[in-house]
C-alpha atoms as a PDB file:
ATOM      1  CA  UNK A   1      84.995  92.433 118.811  1.00  0.00           C
ATOM      2  CA  UNK A   2      85.326  95.289 116.285  1.00  0.00           C
ATOM      3  CA  UNK A   3      86.633  94.559 112.790  1.00  0.00           C
ATOM      4  CA  UNK A   4      90.290  95.315 112.086  1.00  0.00           C
ATOM      5  CA  UNK A   5      89.533  97.528 109.085  1.00  0.00           C
ATOM      6  CA  UNK A   6      86.824 100.059 108.318  1.00  0.00           C
ATOM      7  CA  UNK A   7      86.361 100.971 104.645  1.00  0.00           C
ATOM      8  CA  UNK A   8      84.791 104.400 104.104  1.00  0.00           C
ATOM      9  CA  UNK A   9      82.886 104.620 100.808  1.00  0.00           C
ATOM     10  CA  UNK A  10      80.832 107.780 100.204  1.00  0.00           C
ATOM     11  CA  UNK A  11      78.650 107.680  97.100  1.00  0.00           C
ATOM     12  CA  UNK A  12      76.122 109.705  95.147  1.00  0.00           C
ATOM     13  CA  UNK A  13      74.192 108.531  92.063  1.00  0.00           C
ATOM     14  CA  UNK A  14      76.434 105.482  91.647  1.00  0.00           C
ATOM     15  CA  UNK A  15      73.829 102.827  90.879  1.00  0.00           C
ATOM     16  CA  UNK A  16      75.702 101.538  87.832  1.00  0.00           C
ATOM     17  CA  UNK A  17      78.985 100.854  89.636  1.00  0.00           C
ATOM     18  CA  UNK A  18      78.559 100.631  93.382  1.00  0.00           C
ATOM     19  CA  UNK A  19      77.792  96.912  93.628  1.00  0.00           C
ATOM     20  CA  UNK A  20      80.990  96.017  91.769  1.00  0.00           C
ATOM     21  CA  UNK A  21      82.996  98.439  93.908  1.00  0.00           C
ATOM     22  CA  UNK A  22      81.689  97.016  97.188  1.00  0.00           C
ATOM     23  CA  UNK A  23      82.105  93.389  96.165  1.00  0.00           C
ATOM     24  CA  UNK A  24      85.640  94.047  94.967  1.00  0.00           C
ATOM     25  CA  UNK A  25      86.901  95.608  98.187  1.00  0.00           C
ATOM     26  CA  UNK A  26      85.219  93.008 100.417  1.00  0.00           C
ATOM     27  CA  UNK A  27      86.438  90.019  98.407  1.00  0.00           C
ATOM     28  CA  UNK A  28      88.231  87.524 100.651  1.00  0.00           C
ATOM     29  CA  UNK A  29      87.599  89.545 103.836  1.00  0.00           C
ATOM     30  CA  UNK A  30      85.687  88.143 106.817  1.00  0.00           C
ATOM     31  CA  UNK A  31      83.362  90.102 109.101  1.00  0.00           C
ATOM     32  CA  UNK A  32      86.083  89.977 111.763  1.00  0.00           C
ATOM     33  CA  UNK A  33      88.491  91.635 109.347  1.00  0.00           C
ATOM     34  CA  UNK A  34      86.411  94.356 107.726  1.00  0.00           C
ATOM     35  CA  UNK A  35      83.323  96.533 107.791  1.00  0.00           C
ATOM     36  CA  UNK A  36      82.311  98.825 104.953  1.00  0.00           C
ATOM     37  CA  UNK A  37      80.543 102.087 105.661  1.00  0.00           C
ATOM     38  CA  UNK A  38      78.476 102.987 102.582  1.00  0.00           C
ATOM     39  CA  UNK A  39      77.498 106.631 103.039  1.00  0.00           C
ATOM     40  CA  UNK A  40      74.767 107.909 100.723  1.00  0.00           C
ATOM     41  CA  UNK A  41      75.596 111.543  99.976  1.00  0.00           C
ATOM     42  CA  UNK A  42      72.238 112.555  98.518  1.00  0.00           C
ATOM     43  CA  UNK A  43      71.666 109.990  95.754  1.00  0.00           C
ATOM     44  CA  UNK A  44      68.761 110.504  93.355  1.00  0.00           C
ATOM     45  CA  UNK A  45      69.067 107.097  91.662  1.00  0.00           C
ATOM     46  CA  UNK A  46      68.557 103.598  93.046  1.00  0.00           C
ATOM     47  CA  UNK A  47      72.123 103.269  94.349  1.00  0.00           C
ATOM     48  CA  UNK A  48      70.993 103.043  98.000  1.00  0.00           C
ATOM     49  CA  UNK A  49      68.524 100.282  97.096  1.00  0.00           C
ATOM     50  CA  UNK A  50      71.285  98.349  95.336  1.00  0.00           C
ATOM     51  CA  UNK A  51      73.515  98.630  98.391  1.00  0.00           C
ATOM     52  CA  UNK A  52      70.674  97.350 100.571  1.00  0.00           C
ATOM     53  CA  UNK A  53      69.965  94.495  98.152  1.00  0.00           C
ATOM     54  CA  UNK A  54      73.481  93.160  98.615  1.00  0.00           C
ATOM     55  CA  UNK A  55      72.364  91.928 102.027  1.00  0.00           C
ATOM     56  CA  UNK A  56      75.961  91.798 103.208  1.00  0.00           C
ATOM     57  CA  UNK A  57      76.348  91.966 107.013  1.00  0.00           C
ATOM     58  CA  UNK A  58      79.762  93.577 106.559  1.00  0.00           C
ATOM     59  CA  UNK A  59      78.117  96.623 104.953  1.00  0.00           C
ATOM     60  CA  UNK A  60      76.769  99.381 107.183  1.00  0.00           C
ATOM     61  CA  UNK A  61      74.448 101.786 105.360  1.00  0.00           C
ATOM     62  CA  UNK A  62      74.559 105.428 106.464  1.00  0.00           C
ATOM     63  CA  UNK A  63      72.613 108.481 105.291  1.00  0.00           C
ATOM     64  CA  UNK A  64      74.999 111.367 104.673  1.00  0.00           C
ATOM     65  CA  UNK A  65      72.208 113.856 104.051  1.00  0.00           C
ATOM     66  CA  UNK A  66      73.757 115.240 100.863  1.00  0.00           C
ATOM     67  CA  UNK A  67      76.186 117.446 102.806  1.00  0.00           C
ATOM     68  CA  UNK A  68      79.159 116.771 100.529  1.00  0.00           C
ATOM     69  CA  UNK A  69      82.219 114.548 100.368  1.00  0.00           C
ATOM     70  CA  UNK A  70      84.144 115.867 103.367  1.00  0.00           C
ATOM     71  CA  UNK A  71      81.107 115.655 105.645  1.00  0.00           C
ATOM     72  CA  UNK A  72      80.502 112.083 104.459  1.00  0.00           C
ATOM     73  CA  UNK A  73      84.126 111.128 105.085  1.00  0.00           C
ATOM     74  CA  UNK A  74      84.007 112.607 108.570  1.00  0.00           C
ATOM     75  CA  UNK A  75      80.726 110.821 109.279  1.00  0.00           C
ATOM     76  CA  UNK A  76      82.450 107.618 108.253  1.00  0.00           C
ATOM     77  CA  UNK A  77      85.413 108.344 110.515  1.00  0.00           C
ATOM     78  CA  UNK A  78      83.088 108.945 113.469  1.00  0.00           C
ATOM     79  CA  UNK A  79      81.246 105.661 112.844  1.00  0.00           C
ATOM     80  CA  UNK A  80      84.287 103.522 111.978  1.00  0.00           C
ATOM     81  CA  UNK A  81      85.308 100.865 114.497  1.00  0.00           C
ATOM     82  CA  UNK A  82      88.541  99.612 112.939  1.00  0.00           C
ATOM     83  CA  UNK A  83      92.149 100.468 113.795  1.00  0.00           C
ATOM     84  CA  UNK A  84      92.834 100.746 110.058  1.00  0.00           C
ATOM     85  CA  UNK A  85      90.745 103.141 107.932  1.00  0.00           C
ATOM     86  CA  UNK A  86      90.647 102.357 104.203  1.00  0.00           C
ATOM     87  CA  UNK A  87      89.161 104.471 101.424  1.00  0.00           C
ATOM     88  CA  UNK A  88      87.182 103.375  98.420  1.00  0.00           C
ATOM     89  CA  UNK A  89      85.181 105.187  95.756  1.00  0.00           C
ATOM     90  CA  UNK A  90      81.969 103.917  94.207  1.00  0.00           C
ATOM     91  CA  UNK A  91      83.276 103.724  90.637  1.00  0.00           C
ATOM     92  CA  UNK A  92      86.636 102.031  91.312  1.00  0.00           C
ATOM     93  CA  UNK A  93      87.623  98.372  91.574  1.00  0.00           C
ATOM     94  CA  UNK A  94      89.791  97.042  94.382  1.00  0.00           C
ATOM     95  CA  UNK A  95      91.929  94.066  93.377  1.00  0.00           C
ATOM     96  CA  UNK A  96      92.214  90.881  95.478  1.00  0.00           C
ATOM     97  CA  UNK A  97      94.449  91.079  98.523  1.00  0.00           C
ATOM     98  CA  UNK A  98      94.591  94.871  98.735  1.00  0.00           C
ATOM     99  CA  UNK A  99      93.350  95.335 102.294  1.00  0.00           C
ATOM    100  CA  UNK A 100      95.394  92.464 103.724  1.00  0.00           C
ATOM    101  CA  UNK A 101      98.555  93.755 102.058  1.00  0.00           C
ATOM    102  CA  UNK A 102      97.977  97.276 103.345  1.00  0.00           C
ATOM    103  CA  UNK A 103      97.294  96.085 106.891  1.00  0.00           C
ATOM    104  CA  UNK A 104     100.572  94.176 106.795  1.00  0.00           C
ATOM    105  CA  UNK A 105     102.381  97.190 105.365  1.00  0.00           C
ATOM    106  CA  UNK A 106     101.180  99.515 108.113  1.00  0.00           C
ATOM    107  CA  UNK A 107     101.845  96.964 110.850  1.00  0.00           C
ATOM    108  CA  UNK A 108     105.443  96.611 109.655  1.00  0.00           C
ATOM    109  CA  UNK A 109     106.103 100.382 109.573  1.00  0.00           C
ATOM    110  CA  UNK A 110     104.919 102.129 112.770  1.00  0.00           C
ATOM    111  CA  UNK A 111     106.053 105.565 111.550  1.00  0.00           C
ATOM    112  CA  UNK A 112     103.902 105.373 108.398  1.00  0.00           C
ATOM    113  CA  UNK A 113     100.500 107.025 108.759  1.00  0.00           C
ATOM    114  CA  UNK A 114      99.069 106.214 105.326  1.00  0.00           C
ATOM    115  CA  UNK A 115      99.838 103.552 102.752  1.00  0.00           C
ATOM    116  CA  UNK A 116      98.526 103.483  99.205  1.00  0.00           C
ATOM    117  CA  UNK A 117      99.133 101.112  96.326  1.00  0.00           C
ATOM    118  CA  UNK A 118      99.981 101.437  92.692  1.00  0.00           C
ATOM    119  CA  UNK A 119      96.935 101.941  90.496  1.00  0.00           C
ATOM    120  CA  UNK A 120      95.898 101.388  86.909  1.00  0.00           C
ATOM    121  CA  UNK A 121      93.707 103.938  85.159  1.00  0.00           C
ATOM    122  CA  UNK A 122      91.842 102.200  82.309  1.00  0.00           C
ATOM    123  CA  UNK A 123      90.801 104.441  79.443  1.00  0.00           C
ATOM    124  CA  UNK A 124      92.474 107.593  80.777  1.00  0.00           C
ATOM    125  CA  UNK A 125      94.055 110.096  78.399  1.00  0.00           C
ATOM    126  CA  UNK A 126      97.829 110.457  78.078  1.00  0.00           C
ATOM    127  CA  UNK A 127      97.986 113.357  80.513  1.00  0.00           C
ATOM    128  CA  UNK A 128      96.326 111.300  83.224  1.00  0.00           C
ATOM    129  CA  UNK A 129      98.460 108.262  82.419  1.00  0.00           C
ATOM    130  CA  UNK A 130     101.593 110.407  82.810  1.00  0.00           C
ATOM    131  CA  UNK A 131     100.381 111.489  86.247  1.00  0.00           C
ATOM    132  CA  UNK A 132      99.635 107.888  87.242  1.00  0.00           C
ATOM    133  CA  UNK A 133     103.098 106.750  86.104  1.00  0.00           C
ATOM    134  CA  UNK A 134     104.672 109.484  88.227  1.00  0.00           C
ATOM    135  CA  UNK A 135     102.501 108.602  91.216  1.00  0.00           C
ATOM    136  CA  UNK A 136     103.208 104.870  90.845  1.00  0.00           C
ATOM    137  CA  UNK A 137     106.937 105.622  90.833  1.00  0.00           C
ATOM    138  CA  UNK A 138     106.758 106.880  94.425  1.00  0.00           C
ATOM    139  CA  UNK A 139     106.990 103.966  96.847  1.00  0.00           C
ATOM    140  CA  UNK A 140     109.038 104.685  99.976  1.00  0.00           C
ATOM    141  CA  UNK A 141     108.367 107.371 102.593  1.00  0.00           C
ATOM    142  CA  UNK A 142     111.471 109.138 101.290  1.00  0.00           C
ATOM    143  CA  UNK A 143     110.029 109.170  97.748  1.00  0.00           C
ATOM    144  CA  UNK A 144     106.783 110.698  98.961  1.00  0.00           C
ATOM    145  CA  UNK A 145     108.458 113.303 101.177  1.00  0.00           C
ATOM    146  CA  UNK A 146     110.725 114.387  98.303  1.00  0.00           C
ATOM    147  CA  UNK A 147     107.882 114.876  95.802  1.00  0.00           C
ATOM    148  CA  UNK A 148     105.067 115.920  98.145  1.00  0.00           C
ATOM    149  CA  UNK A 149     105.084 119.499  96.851  1.00  0.00           C
ATOM    150  CA  UNK A 150     105.080 118.448  93.190  1.00  0.00           C
ATOM    151  CA  UNK A 151     101.542 117.028  93.145  1.00  0.00           C
ATOM    152  CA  UNK A 152      99.297 114.804  95.251  1.00  0.00           C
ATOM    153  CA  UNK A 153     101.441 111.643  95.581  1.00  0.00           C
ATOM    154  CA  UNK A 154      98.678 109.211  96.572  1.00  0.00           C
ATOM    155  CA  UNK A 155      95.422 108.197  94.907  1.00  0.00           C
ATOM    156  CA  UNK A 156      92.797 108.859  97.583  1.00  0.00           C
ATOM    157  CA  UNK A 157      90.606 105.748  97.065  1.00  0.00           C
ATOM    158  CA  UNK A 158      93.721 103.546  97.085  1.00  0.00           C
ATOM    159  CA  UNK A 159      94.827 104.297 100.633  1.00  0.00           C
ATOM    160  CA  UNK A 160      94.622 102.790 104.081  1.00  0.00           C
ATOM    161  CA  UNK A 161      95.263 105.046 107.074  1.00  0.00           C
ATOM    162  CA  UNK A 162      96.433 104.300 110.568  1.00  0.00           C
ATOM    163  CA  UNK A 163      93.499 105.386 112.767  1.00  0.00           C
ATOM    164  CA  UNK A 164      95.870 106.910 115.301  1.00  0.00           C
ATOM    165  CA  UNK A 165      97.449 109.127 112.640  1.00  0.00           C
ATOM    166  CA  UNK A 166      94.148 110.135 111.029  1.00  0.00           C
ATOM    167  CA  UNK A 167      92.644 111.148 114.360  1.00  0.00           C
ATOM    168  CA  UNK A 168      95.823 112.940 115.452  1.00  0.00           C
ATOM    169  CA  UNK A 169      95.626 115.382 112.522  1.00  0.00           C
ATOM    170  CA  UNK A 170      91.870 115.881 112.817  1.00  0.00           C
ATOM    171  CA  UNK A 171      90.616 113.735 109.948  1.00  0.00           C
ATOM    172  CA  UNK A 172      89.413 115.323 106.710  1.00  0.00           C
ATOM    173  CA  UNK A 173      88.892 119.096 106.502  1.00  0.00           C
ATOM    174  CA  UNK A 174      86.638 121.215 104.324  1.00  0.00           C
ATOM    175  CA  UNK A 175      89.294 123.550 102.898  1.00  0.00           C
ATOM    176  CA  UNK A 176      89.661 125.603  99.677  1.00  0.00           C
ATOM    177  CA  UNK A 177      91.978 122.986  98.130  1.00  0.00           C
ATOM    178  CA  UNK A 178      91.628 119.199  97.613  1.00  0.00           C
ATOM    179  CA  UNK A 179      90.737 117.406 100.836  1.00  0.00           C
ATOM    180  CA  UNK A 180      93.046 114.467 100.120  1.00  0.00           C
ATOM    181  CA  UNK A 181      96.121 116.583  99.325  1.00  0.00           C
ATOM    182  CA  UNK A 182      95.379 118.579 102.483  1.00  0.00           C
ATOM    183  CA  UNK A 183      95.419 115.354 104.486  1.00  0.00           C
ATOM    184  CA  UNK A 184      98.723 114.159 103.001  1.00  0.00           C
ATOM    185  CA  UNK A 185     100.305 117.552 103.752  1.00  0.00           C
ATOM    186  CA  UNK A 186      99.060 117.525 107.344  1.00  0.00           C
ATOM    187  CA  UNK A 187     100.253 113.977 107.957  1.00  0.00           C
ATOM    188  CA  UNK A 188     103.692 114.940 106.663  1.00  0.00           C
ATOM    189  CA  UNK A 189     103.749 118.099 108.798  1.00  0.00           C
ATOM    190  CA  UNK A 190     102.884 115.996 111.865  1.00  0.00           C
ATOM    191  CA  UNK A 191     105.801 113.643 111.211  1.00  0.00           C
ATOM    192  CA  UNK A 192     103.920 110.670 109.756  1.00  0.00           C
ATOM    193  CA  UNK A 193     105.353 108.895 106.731  1.00  0.00           C
ATOM    194  CA  UNK A 194     103.492 108.360 103.453  1.00  0.00           C
ATOM    195  CA  UNK A 195     104.118 105.099 101.623  1.00  0.00           C
ATOM    196  CA  UNK A 196     102.860 102.933  98.775  1.00  0.00           C
ATOM    197  CA  UNK A 197     102.802  99.207  98.035  1.00  0.00           C
ATOM    198  CA  UNK A 198     104.772  98.504  94.834  1.00  0.00           C
ATOM    199  CA  UNK A 199     101.884  96.551  93.316  1.00  0.00           C
ATOM    200  CA  UNK A 200      98.782  97.555  91.356  1.00  0.00           C
ATOM    201  CA  UNK A 201      95.849  96.840  93.681  1.00  0.00           C
ATOM    202  CA  UNK A 202      93.237  99.341  92.446  1.00  0.00           C
ATOM    203  CA  UNK A 203      91.605 100.197  89.129  1.00  0.00           C
ATOM    204  CA  UNK A 204      91.116 103.947  89.346  1.00  0.00           C
ATOM    205  CA  UNK A 205      88.255 104.928  87.034  1.00  0.00           C
ATOM    206  CA  UNK A 206      89.034 108.627  86.722  1.00  0.00           C
ATOM    207  CA  UNK A 207      85.935 109.506  84.698  1.00  0.00           C
ATOM    208  CA  UNK A 208      84.776 113.012  83.631  1.00  0.00           C
ATOM    209  CA  UNK A 209      81.952 112.898  86.181  1.00  0.00           C
ATOM    210  CA  UNK A 210      84.360 113.070  89.095  1.00  0.00           C
ATOM    211  CA  UNK A 211      84.582 116.285  91.101  1.00  0.00           C
ATOM    212  CA  UNK A 212      88.274 116.549  90.225  1.00  0.00           C
ATOM    213  CA  UNK A 213      87.216 117.626  86.728  1.00  0.00           C
ATOM    214  CA  UNK A 214      84.742 120.306  87.772  1.00  0.00           C
ATOM    215  CA  UNK A 215      85.006 121.533  91.376  1.00  0.00           C
ATOM    216  CA  UNK A 216      87.047 124.737  91.851  1.00  0.00           C
ATOM    217  CA  UNK A 217      88.920 123.260  94.821  1.00  0.00           C
ATOM    218  CA  UNK A 218      90.772 120.926  92.420  1.00  0.00           C
ATOM    219  CA  UNK A 219      92.074 123.736  90.193  1.00  0.00           C
ATOM    220  CA  UNK A 220      95.785 124.440  89.709  1.00  0.00           C
ATOM    221  CA  UNK A 221      95.395 127.671  91.688  1.00  0.00           C
ATOM    222  CA  UNK A 222      93.996 125.813  94.697  1.00  0.00           C
ATOM    223  CA  UNK A 223      96.812 123.248  94.598  1.00  0.00           C
ATOM    224  CA  UNK A 224      99.287 126.137  94.529  1.00  0.00           C
ATOM    225  CA  UNK A 225      97.634 127.707  97.588  1.00  0.00           C
ATOM    226  CA  UNK A 226      97.928 124.403  99.439  1.00  0.00           C
ATOM    227  CA  UNK A 227     101.615 124.066  98.594  1.00  0.00           C
ATOM    228  CA  UNK A 228     102.327 127.599  99.761  1.00  0.00           C
ATOM    229  CA  UNK A 229     100.395 127.143 103.012  1.00  0.00           C
ATOM    230  CA  UNK A 230     102.466 124.100 103.967  1.00  0.00           C
ATOM    231  CA  UNK A 231     105.773 125.215 102.453  1.00  0.00           C
ATOM    232  CA  UNK A 232     105.755 128.453 104.444  1.00  0.00           C
ATOM    233  CA  UNK A 233     106.251 126.823 107.875  1.00  0.00           C
ATOM    234  CA  UNK A 234     108.996 124.586 106.463  1.00  0.00           C
ATOM    235  CA  UNK A 235     110.861 127.561 105.009  1.00  0.00           C
ATOM    236  CA  UNK A 236     110.453 129.758 108.070  1.00  0.00           C
ATOM    237  CA  UNK A 237     112.987 132.605 108.064  1.00  0.00           C
ATOM    238  CA  UNK A 238     115.438 130.870 105.738  1.00  0.00           C
ATOM    239  CA  UNK A 239     116.314 132.606 102.470  1.00  0.00           C
ATOM    240  CA  UNK A 240     115.142 130.691  99.416  1.00  0.00           C
ATOM    241  CA  UNK A 241     115.313 130.884  95.637  1.00  0.00           C
ATOM    242  CA  UNK A 242     112.680 129.877  93.107  1.00  0.00           C
ATOM    243  CA  UNK A 243     113.772 127.954  90.014  1.00  0.00           C
ATOM    244  CA  UNK A 244     112.034 129.384  86.971  1.00  0.00           C
ATOM    245  CA  UNK A 245     111.142 133.068  86.702  1.00  0.00           C
ATOM    246  CA  UNK A 246     108.288 132.424  84.287  1.00  0.00           C
ATOM    247  CA  UNK A 247     104.552 132.351  84.868  1.00  0.00           C
ATOM    248  CA  UNK A 248     104.507 129.250  87.095  1.00  0.00           C
ATOM    249  CA  UNK A 249     107.327 130.464  89.327  1.00  0.00           C
ATOM    250  CA  UNK A 250     105.816 133.920  89.715  1.00  0.00           C
ATOM    251  CA  UNK A 251     102.449 132.464  90.665  1.00  0.00           C
ATOM    252  CA  UNK A 252     104.138 130.391  93.360  1.00  0.00           C
ATOM    253  CA  UNK A 253     105.982 133.504  94.551  1.00  0.00           C
ATOM    254  CA  UNK A 254     102.689 135.381  94.926  1.00  0.00           C
ATOM    255  CA  UNK A 255     101.190 132.474  96.855  1.00  0.00           C
ATOM    256  CA  UNK A 256     104.161 132.442  99.243  1.00  0.00           C
ATOM    257  CA  UNK A 257     103.998 136.221  99.627  1.00  0.00           C
ATOM    258  CA  UNK A 258     100.476 135.765 100.987  1.00  0.00           C
ATOM    259  CA  UNK A 259     102.189 133.988 103.907  1.00  0.00           C
ATOM    260  CA  UNK A 260     104.771 136.736 104.380  1.00  0.00           C
ATOM    261  CA  UNK A 261     107.606 135.033 102.476  1.00  0.00           C
ATOM    262  CA  UNK A 262     109.581 136.575  99.607  1.00  0.00           C
ATOM    263  CA  UNK A 263     112.113 134.792  97.414  1.00  0.00           C
ATOM    264  CA  UNK A 264     115.628 136.177  97.854  1.00  0.00           C
ATOM    265  CA  UNK A 265     116.596 135.145  94.316  1.00  0.00           C
ATOM    266  CA  UNK A 266     115.450 133.435  91.126  1.00  0.00           C
ATOM    267  CA  UNK A 267     117.252 130.896  88.980  1.00  0.00           C
ATOM    268  CA  UNK A 268     116.473 130.638  85.270  1.00  0.00           C
ATOM    269  CA  UNK A 269     118.112 129.257  82.129  1.00  0.00           C
ATOM    270  CA  UNK A 270     116.734 131.980  79.839  1.00  0.00           C
ATOM    271  CA  UNK A 271     119.640 134.359  79.034  1.00  0.00           C
ATOM    272  CA  UNK A 272     117.140 137.167  78.425  1.00  0.00           C
ATOM    273  CA  UNK A 273     115.988 136.914  82.056  1.00  0.00           C
ATOM    274  CA  UNK A 274     119.366 136.376  83.751  1.00  0.00           C
ATOM    275  CA  UNK A 275     120.693 139.616  85.230  1.00  0.00           C
ATOM    276  CA  UNK A 276     117.276 141.171  85.544  1.00  0.00           C
ATOM    277  CA  UNK A 277     114.953 141.139  88.565  1.00  0.00           C
ATOM    278  CA  UNK A 278     111.531 139.702  89.343  1.00  0.00           C
ATOM    279  CA  UNK A 279     109.354 140.800  92.250  1.00  0.00           C
ATOM    280  CA  UNK A 280     112.303 142.649  93.759  1.00  0.00           C
ATOM    281  CA  UNK A 281     114.791 139.748  93.640  1.00  0.00           C
ATOM    282  CA  UNK A 282     117.681 139.146  91.192  1.00  0.00           C
ATOM    283  CA  UNK A 283     117.500 136.457  88.508  1.00  0.00           C
ATOM    284  CA  UNK A 284     120.635 134.301  88.286  1.00  0.00           C
ATOM    285  CA  UNK A 285     121.682 131.622  85.841  1.00  0.00           C
ATOM    286  CA  UNK A 286     122.014 128.006  87.047  1.00  0.00           C
ATOM    287  CA  UNK A 287     125.812 128.364  87.315  1.00  0.00           C
END
């Protein structure tokens, strides 16, 4: 009988943290409940040997061939046997009860395709802590749908996905913007809800070595392209206004124009801008 949950954990050069990460997410879970797919994405340290030394029958060791994160995630999806697909990163710590609580959360909400949890972010700077506080404030599907185009509303290694939903949208994609934000946007577009348990069940160690600090796909410009790509079908032929005729608003306007959409108006509080035009559309005050 296959396990209920498959945890996908890609890793590269994670010898110093991977044992703690694996033990944390498997704590309290039986072999009937969970399998963990540890996918080596081209490690040059002794991380793979440390995974093997755990000798845990719940851990399946896979060679990802160093093809990158998305390829490793998709390899994990292809190999996973569970109806629930959880994520974990090699430098994070899952707190007791996380997987059981997320299974229960998904079972109780058939329209929800992905459920996260609140996270802590030890040692992060104030900017990151502000982001985590915002993210942790989103709990219900309505919260996530409302703020989906603000930023990525879920911490990727904190989530559990309904296998049916993940497969329905084609899994993870190698796209110009962040692969996790792309997945949340596609789940929303397909009608699946995004949700979060109102409890901290993951320590998110957002360290400078993570790709989010260095890879171009995680830049502000790439996030903006993702928003525009998924906003465009929602807007369709409807007229729309952009709040803020400054640099940020104009960059969003250009991104939407790439999809054939032009703002019909702008709204701004700056009296020097009100009454003028931007990109061929009038700028109005908020009144």
